[in-house]
Every structure is written in structure tokens, then in C-alpha cells.
């Protein structure tokens, strides 16, 4: 005697995991990120000014 129950939803055969629907993104004007105006920047904001990228970090190995 099998006690399996039929399942409703979006399950794939052989799997008991339900996959949620994809989120819907809005292009609301209030949710936009501000412009950074740093396209010409050669270092990331976390790099210290005057040092080359990676300078002063411990070596790997």
C-alpha cells in the first residue's frame, strides 16, 4: 500500500521541490541608484589613494 499523495503546483517529475515564480522588477524613478560620476577612475573606491591596486596585500601561497 502506497501512502503517496498527488501534489499540486509546479513540481518537476522526480522532484518534490516547488519552484517559485520569478520576481517582477519595476523601473520606478524613486528606486534608481544615483550616478557616481567616476567612469574615469582607475582605482576602485576601496583602494587607498596613491597606492597601486593590490599593493600592500599579503602574497598568496
PDB file of N, CA and C in Angstrom:
ATOM      1  N   UNK A   1       0.824  -1.179   0.000  1.00  0.00           N
ATOM      2  CA  UNK A   1       0.000   0.000   0.000  1.00  0.00           C
ATOM      3  C   UNK A   1       0.877   1.254   0.000  1.00  0.00           C
ATOM      4  N   UNK A   2       0.655   2.152  -0.905  1.00  0.00           N
ATOM      5  CA  UNK A   2       1.432   3.376  -1.014  1.00  0.00           C
ATOM      6  C   UNK A   2       0.656   4.526  -0.387  1.00  0.00           C
ATOM      7  N   UNK A   3       1.377   5.361   0.353  1.00  0.00           N
ATOM      8  CA  UNK A   3       0.714   6.491   1.003  1.00  0.00           C
ATOM      9  C   UNK A   3       1.076   7.813   0.334  1.00  0.00           C
ATOM     10  N   UNK A   4       1.488   7.760  -0.940  1.00  0.00           N
ATOM     11  CA  UNK A   4       1.845   8.986  -1.647  1.00  0.00           C
ATOM     12  C   UNK A   4       0.585   9.754  -2.024  1.00  0.00           C
ATOM     13  N   UNK A   5       0.651  11.057  -1.847  1.00  0.00           N
ATOM     14  CA  UNK A   5      -0.476  11.915  -2.197  1.00  0.00           C
ATOM     15  C   UNK A   5      -0.120  12.684  -3.462  1.00  0.00           C
ATOM     16  N   UNK A   6      -1.065  12.873  -4.343  1.00  0.00           N
ATOM     17  CA  UNK A   6      -0.778  13.714  -5.510  1.00  0.00           C
ATOM     18  C   UNK A   6      -0.549  15.154  -5.059  1.00  0.00           C
ATOM     19  N   UNK A   7       0.437  15.788  -5.659  1.00  0.00           N
ATOM     20  CA  UNK A   7       0.779  17.154  -5.260  1.00  0.00           C
ATOM     21  C   UNK A   7       0.392  18.131  -6.358  1.00  0.00           C
ATOM     22  N   UNK A   8      -0.115  19.251  -5.943  1.00  0.00           N
ATOM     23  CA  UNK A   8      -0.448  20.314  -6.889  1.00  0.00           C
ATOM     24  C   UNK A   8       0.674  21.344  -6.866  1.00  0.00           C
ATOM     25  N   UNK A   9       0.904  21.998  -7.977  1.00  0.00           N
ATOM     26  CA  UNK A   9       1.930  23.032  -8.015  1.00  0.00           C
ATOM     27  C   UNK A   9       2.837  22.853  -9.205  1.00  0.00           C
ATOM     28  N   UNK A  10       3.978  23.496  -9.142  1.00  0.00           N
ATOM     29  CA  UNK A  10       4.920  23.466 -10.261  1.00  0.00           C
ATOM     30  C   UNK A  10       6.092  22.561  -9.923  1.00  0.00           C
ATOM     31  N   UNK A  11       5.835  21.294  -9.732  1.00  0.00           N
ATOM     32  CA  UNK A  11       6.915  20.359  -9.441  1.00  0.00           C
ATOM     33  C   UNK A  11       7.299  19.633 -10.711  1.00  0.00           C
ATOM     34  N   UNK A  12       8.563  19.303 -10.802  1.00  0.00           N
ATOM     35  CA  UNK A  12       9.024  18.542 -11.952  1.00  0.00           C
ATOM     36  C   UNK A  12       9.007  17.065 -11.593  1.00  0.00           C
ATOM     37  N   UNK A  13       8.910  16.183 -12.563  1.00  0.00           N
ATOM     38  CA  UNK A  13       8.873  14.748 -12.266  1.00  0.00           C
ATOM     39  C   UNK A  13      10.134  14.303 -11.532  1.00  0.00           C
ATOM     40  N   UNK A  14       9.960  13.528 -10.474  1.00  0.00           N
ATOM     41  CA  UNK A  14      11.094  13.025  -9.720  1.00  0.00           C
ATOM     42  C   UNK A  14      11.630  14.030  -8.719  1.00  0.00           C
ATOM     43  N   UNK A  15      10.947  15.121  -8.521  1.00  0.00           N
ATOM     44  CA  UNK A  15      11.412  16.151  -7.597  1.00  0.00           C
ATOM     45  C   UNK A  15      10.243  16.616  -6.751  1.00  0.00           C
ATOM     46  N   UNK A  16      10.525  16.874  -5.484  1.00  0.00           N
ATOM     47  CA  UNK A  16       9.457  17.347  -4.616  1.00  0.00           C
ATOM     48  C   UNK A  16       9.672  18.803  -4.204  1.00  0.00           C
ATOM     49  N   UNK A  17      10.466  19.536  -4.997  1.00  0.00           N
ATOM     50  CA  UNK A  17      10.750  20.936  -4.704  1.00  0.00           C
ATOM     51  C   UNK A  17       9.890  21.822  -5.599  1.00  0.00           C
ATOM     52  N   UNK A  18       9.172  22.736  -4.992  1.00  0.00           N
ATOM     53  CA  UNK A  18       8.379  23.679  -5.776  1.00  0.00           C
ATOM     54  C   UNK A  18       9.235  24.894  -6.092  1.00  0.00           C
ATOM     55  N   UNK A  19       9.213  25.323  -7.332  1.00  0.00           N
ATOM     56  CA  UNK A  19       9.997  26.474  -7.752  1.00  0.00           C
ATOM     57  C   UNK A  19       9.099  27.703  -7.767  1.00  0.00           C
ATOM     58  N   UNK A  20       9.519  28.757  -7.068  1.00  0.00           N
ATOM     59  CA  UNK A  20       8.692  29.973  -7.055  1.00  0.00           C
ATOM     60  C   UNK A  20       8.741  30.697  -8.387  1.00  0.00           C
ATOM     61  N   UNK A  21       7.790  31.570  -8.584  1.00  0.00           N
ATOM     62  CA  UNK A  21       7.761  32.366  -9.809  1.00  0.00           C
ATOM     63  C   UNK A  21       8.886  33.392  -9.758  1.00  0.00           C
ATOM     64  N   UNK A  22       9.339  33.829 -10.930  1.00  0.00           N
ATOM     65  CA  UNK A  22      10.400  34.827 -10.999  1.00  0.00           C
ATOM     66  C   UNK A  22       9.888  36.165 -10.483  1.00  0.00           C
ATOM     67  N   UNK A  23      10.749  36.949  -9.808  1.00  0.00           N
ATOM     68  CA  UNK A  23      10.305  38.250  -9.308  1.00  0.00           C
ATOM     69  C   UNK A  23      10.058  39.235 -10.443  1.00  0.00           C
ATOM     70  N   UNK A  24       9.187  40.167 -10.196  1.00  0.00           N
ATOM     71  CA  UNK A  24       8.885  41.204 -11.175  1.00  0.00           C
ATOM     72  C   UNK A  24       9.605  42.474 -10.735  1.00  0.00           C
ATOM     73  N   UNK A  25      10.438  43.013 -11.605  1.00  0.00           N
ATOM     74  CA  UNK A  25      11.209  44.208 -11.282  1.00  0.00           C
ATOM     75  C   UNK A  25      10.511  45.438 -11.856  1.00  0.00           C
ATOM     76  N   UNK A  26      10.534  46.494 -11.078  1.00  0.00           N
ATOM     77  CA  UNK A  26       9.932  47.734 -11.562  1.00  0.00           C
ATOM     78  C   UNK A  26      11.030  48.748 -11.851  1.00  0.00           C
ATOM     79  N   UNK A  27      10.777  49.633 -12.765  1.00  0.00           N
ATOM     80  CA  UNK A  27      11.711  50.702 -13.096  1.00  0.00           C
ATOM     81  C   UNK A  27      11.209  52.007 -12.490  1.00  0.00           C
ATOM     82  N   UNK A  28      10.884  51.949 -11.219  1.00  0.00           N
ATOM     83  CA  UNK A  28      10.368  53.113 -10.534  1.00  0.00           C
ATOM     84  C   UNK A  28      11.458  54.178 -10.441  1.00  0.00           C
ATOM     85  N   UNK A  29      11.125  55.414 -10.725  1.00  0.00           N
ATOM     86  CA  UNK A  29      12.090  56.524 -10.699  1.00  0.00           C
ATOM     87  C   UNK A  29      12.707  56.691  -9.311  1.00  0.00           C
ATOM     88  N   UNK A  30      11.939  56.431  -8.263  1.00  0.00           N
ATOM     89  CA  UNK A  30      12.434  56.613  -6.898  1.00  0.00           C
ATOM     90  C   UNK A  30      13.430  55.532  -6.485  1.00  0.00           C
ATOM     91  N   UNK A  31      13.443  54.400  -7.171  1.00  0.00           N
ATOM     92  CA  UNK A  31      14.317  53.305  -6.765  1.00  0.00           C
ATOM     93  C   UNK A  31      15.633  53.268  -7.531  1.00  0.00           C
ATOM     94  N   UNK A  32      15.872  54.254  -8.402  1.00  0.00           N
ATOM     95  CA  UNK A  32      17.114  54.259  -9.175  1.00  0.00           C
ATOM     96  C   UNK A  32      18.292  54.652  -8.296  1.00  0.00           C
ATOM     97  N   UNK A  33      19.458  54.071  -8.590  1.00  0.00           N
ATOM     98  CA  UNK A  33      20.684  54.421  -7.884  1.00  0.00           C
ATOM     99  C   UNK A  33      21.198  55.755  -8.415  1.00  0.00           C
ATOM    100  N   UNK A  34      21.814  56.570  -7.562  1.00  0.00           N
ATOM    101  CA  UNK A  34      22.362  57.844  -8.041  1.00  0.00           C
ATOM    102  C   UNK A  34      23.582  57.614  -8.927  1.00  0.00           C
ATOM    103  N   UNK A  35      23.824  58.534  -9.840  1.00  0.00           N
ATOM    104  CA  UNK A  35      25.002  58.439 -10.705  1.00  0.00           C
ATOM    105  C   UNK A  35      26.251  58.702  -9.876  1.00  0.00           C
ATOM    106  N   UNK A  36      27.318  57.916 -10.139  1.00  0.00           N
ATOM    107  CA  UNK A  36      28.544  58.055  -9.353  1.00  0.00           C
ATOM    108  C   UNK A  36      29.546  59.011  -9.986  1.00  0.00           C
ATOM    109  N   UNK A  37      29.475  59.224 -11.282  1.00  0.00           N
ATOM    110  CA  UNK A  37      30.383  60.130 -11.988  1.00  0.00           C
ATOM    111  C   UNK A  37      31.847  59.778 -11.764  1.00  0.00           C
ATOM    112  N   UNK A  38      32.177  58.480 -11.771  1.00  0.00           N
ATOM    113  CA  UNK A  38      33.575  58.082 -11.602  1.00  0.00           C
ATOM    114  C   UNK A  38      34.005  57.092 -12.686  1.00  0.00           C
ATOM    115  N   UNK A  39      33.498  57.291 -13.903  1.00  0.00           N
ATOM    116  CA  UNK A  39      33.852  56.398 -15.008  1.00  0.00           C
ATOM    117  C   UNK A  39      35.341  56.454 -15.326  1.00  0.00           C
ATOM    118  N   UNK A  40      35.989  57.603 -15.134  1.00  0.00           N
ATOM    119  CA  UNK A  40      37.403  57.738 -15.452  1.00  0.00           C
ATOM    120  C   UNK A  40      38.320  57.282 -14.338  1.00  0.00           C
ATOM    121  N   UNK A  41      37.768  56.769 -13.276  1.00  0.00           N
ATOM    122  CA  UNK A  41      38.562  56.350 -12.121  1.00  0.00           C
ATOM    123  C   UNK A  41      39.303  55.056 -12.423  1.00  0.00           C
ATOM    124  N   UNK A  42      40.608  54.999 -12.093  1.00  0.00           N
ATOM    125  CA  UNK A  42      41.407  53.807 -12.368  1.00  0.00           C
ATOM    126  C   UNK A  42      41.463  52.869 -11.171  1.00  0.00           C
ATOM    127  N   UNK A  43      41.129  53.337  -9.990  1.00  0.00           N
ATOM    128  CA  UNK A  43      41.140  52.505  -8.796  1.00  0.00           C
ATOM    129  C   UNK A  43      39.710  52.314  -8.306  1.00  0.00           C
ATOM    130  N   UNK A  44      39.494  51.210  -7.619  1.00  0.00           N
ATOM    131  CA  UNK A  44      38.176  51.012  -7.029  1.00  0.00           C
ATOM    132  C   UNK A  44      38.059  51.906  -5.799  1.00  0.00           C
ATOM    133  N   UNK A  45      36.863  52.214  -5.345  1.00  0.00           N
ATOM    134  CA  UNK A  45      36.713  53.081  -4.172  1.00  0.00           C
ATOM    135  C   UNK A  45      37.376  52.517  -2.919  1.00  0.00           C
ATOM    136  N   UNK A  46      37.580  51.195  -2.848  1.00  0.00           N
ATOM    137  CA  UNK A  46      38.200  50.610  -1.662  1.00  0.00           C
ATOM    138  C   UNK A  46      39.723  50.723  -1.677  1.00  0.00           C
ATOM    139  N   UNK A  47      40.325  51.030  -2.834  1.00  0.00           N
ATOM    140  CA  UNK A  47      41.777  51.201  -2.900  1.00  0.00           C
ATOM    141  C   UNK A  47      42.170  52.522  -2.252  1.00  0.00           C
ATOM    142  N   UNK A  48      43.324  52.515  -1.615  1.00  0.00           N
ATOM    143  CA  UNK A  48      43.802  53.739  -0.974  1.00  0.00           C
ATOM    144  C   UNK A  48      44.434  54.652  -2.018  1.00  0.00           C
ATOM    145  N   UNK A  49      44.183  55.942  -1.946  1.00  0.00           N
ATOM    146  CA  UNK A  49      44.781  56.867  -2.911  1.00  0.00           C
ATOM    147  C   UNK A  49      46.307  56.829  -2.839  1.00  0.00           C
ATOM    148  N   UNK A  50      46.956  56.851  -3.992  1.00  0.00           N
ATOM    149  CA  UNK A  50      48.414  56.860  -4.041  1.00  0.00           C
ATOM    150  C   UNK A  50      49.039  55.487  -4.098  1.00  0.00           C
ATOM    151  N   UNK A  51      48.284  54.436  -3.889  1.00  0.00           N
ATOM    152  CA  UNK A  51      48.817  53.075  -3.962  1.00  0.00           C
ATOM    153  C   UNK A  51      48.301  52.408  -5.225  1.00  0.00           C
ATOM    154  N   UNK A  52      49.111  51.516  -5.764  1.00  0.00           N
ATOM    155  CA  UNK A  52      48.677  50.757  -6.931  1.00  0.00           C
ATOM    156  C   UNK A  52      47.702  49.675  -6.475  1.00  0.00           C
ATOM    157  N   UNK A  53      46.773  49.264  -7.334  1.00  0.00           N
ATOM    158  CA  UNK A  53      45.835  48.205  -6.957  1.00  0.00           C
ATOM    159  C   UNK A  53      46.579  46.930  -6.566  1.00  0.00           C
ATOM    160  N   UNK A  54      46.283  46.395  -5.390  1.00  0.00           N
ATOM    161  CA  UNK A  54      46.921  45.171  -4.908  1.00  0.00           C
ATOM    162  C   UNK A  54      48.186  45.412  -4.110  1.00  0.00           C
ATOM    163  N   UNK A  55      48.692  46.627  -4.084  1.00  0.00           N
ATOM    164  CA  UNK A  55      49.922  46.935  -3.356  1.00  0.00           C
ATOM    165  C   UNK A  55      49.657  46.892  -1.851  1.00  0.00           C
ATOM    166  N   UNK A  56      50.533  46.204  -1.124  1.00  0.00           N
ATOM    167  CA  UNK A  56      50.393  46.124   0.322  1.00  0.00           C
ATOM    168  C   UNK A  56      49.567  44.953   0.797  1.00  0.00           C
ATOM    169  N   UNK A  57      49.032  44.164  -0.118  1.00  0.00           N
ATOM    170  CA  UNK A  57      48.262  42.989   0.271  1.00  0.00           C
ATOM    171  C   UNK A  57      49.205  41.813   0.466  1.00  0.00           C
ATOM    172  N   UNK A  58      48.884  40.901   1.382  1.00  0.00           N
ATOM    173  CA  UNK A  58      49.753  39.736   1.587  1.00  0.00           C
ATOM    174  C   UNK A  58      49.770  38.845   0.351  1.00  0.00           C
ATOM    175  N   UNK A  59      50.914  38.217   0.103  1.00  0.00           N
ATOM    176  CA  UNK A  59      51.026  37.348  -1.063  1.00  0.00           C
ATOM    177  C   UNK A  59      50.274  36.045  -0.830  1.00  0.00           C
ATOM    178  N   UNK A  60      49.810  35.469  -1.900  1.00  0.00           N
ATOM    179  CA  UNK A  60      49.070  34.217  -1.822  1.00  0.00           C
ATOM    180  C   UNK A  60      50.058  33.071  -1.965  1.00  0.00           C
ATOM    181  N   UNK A  61      50.025  32.124  -1.030  1.00  0.00           N
ATOM    182  CA  UNK A  61      50.869  30.939  -1.179  1.00  0.00           C
ATOM    183  C   UNK A  61      51.802  30.675  -0.108  1.00  0.00           C
TER     184      UNK A  61
END
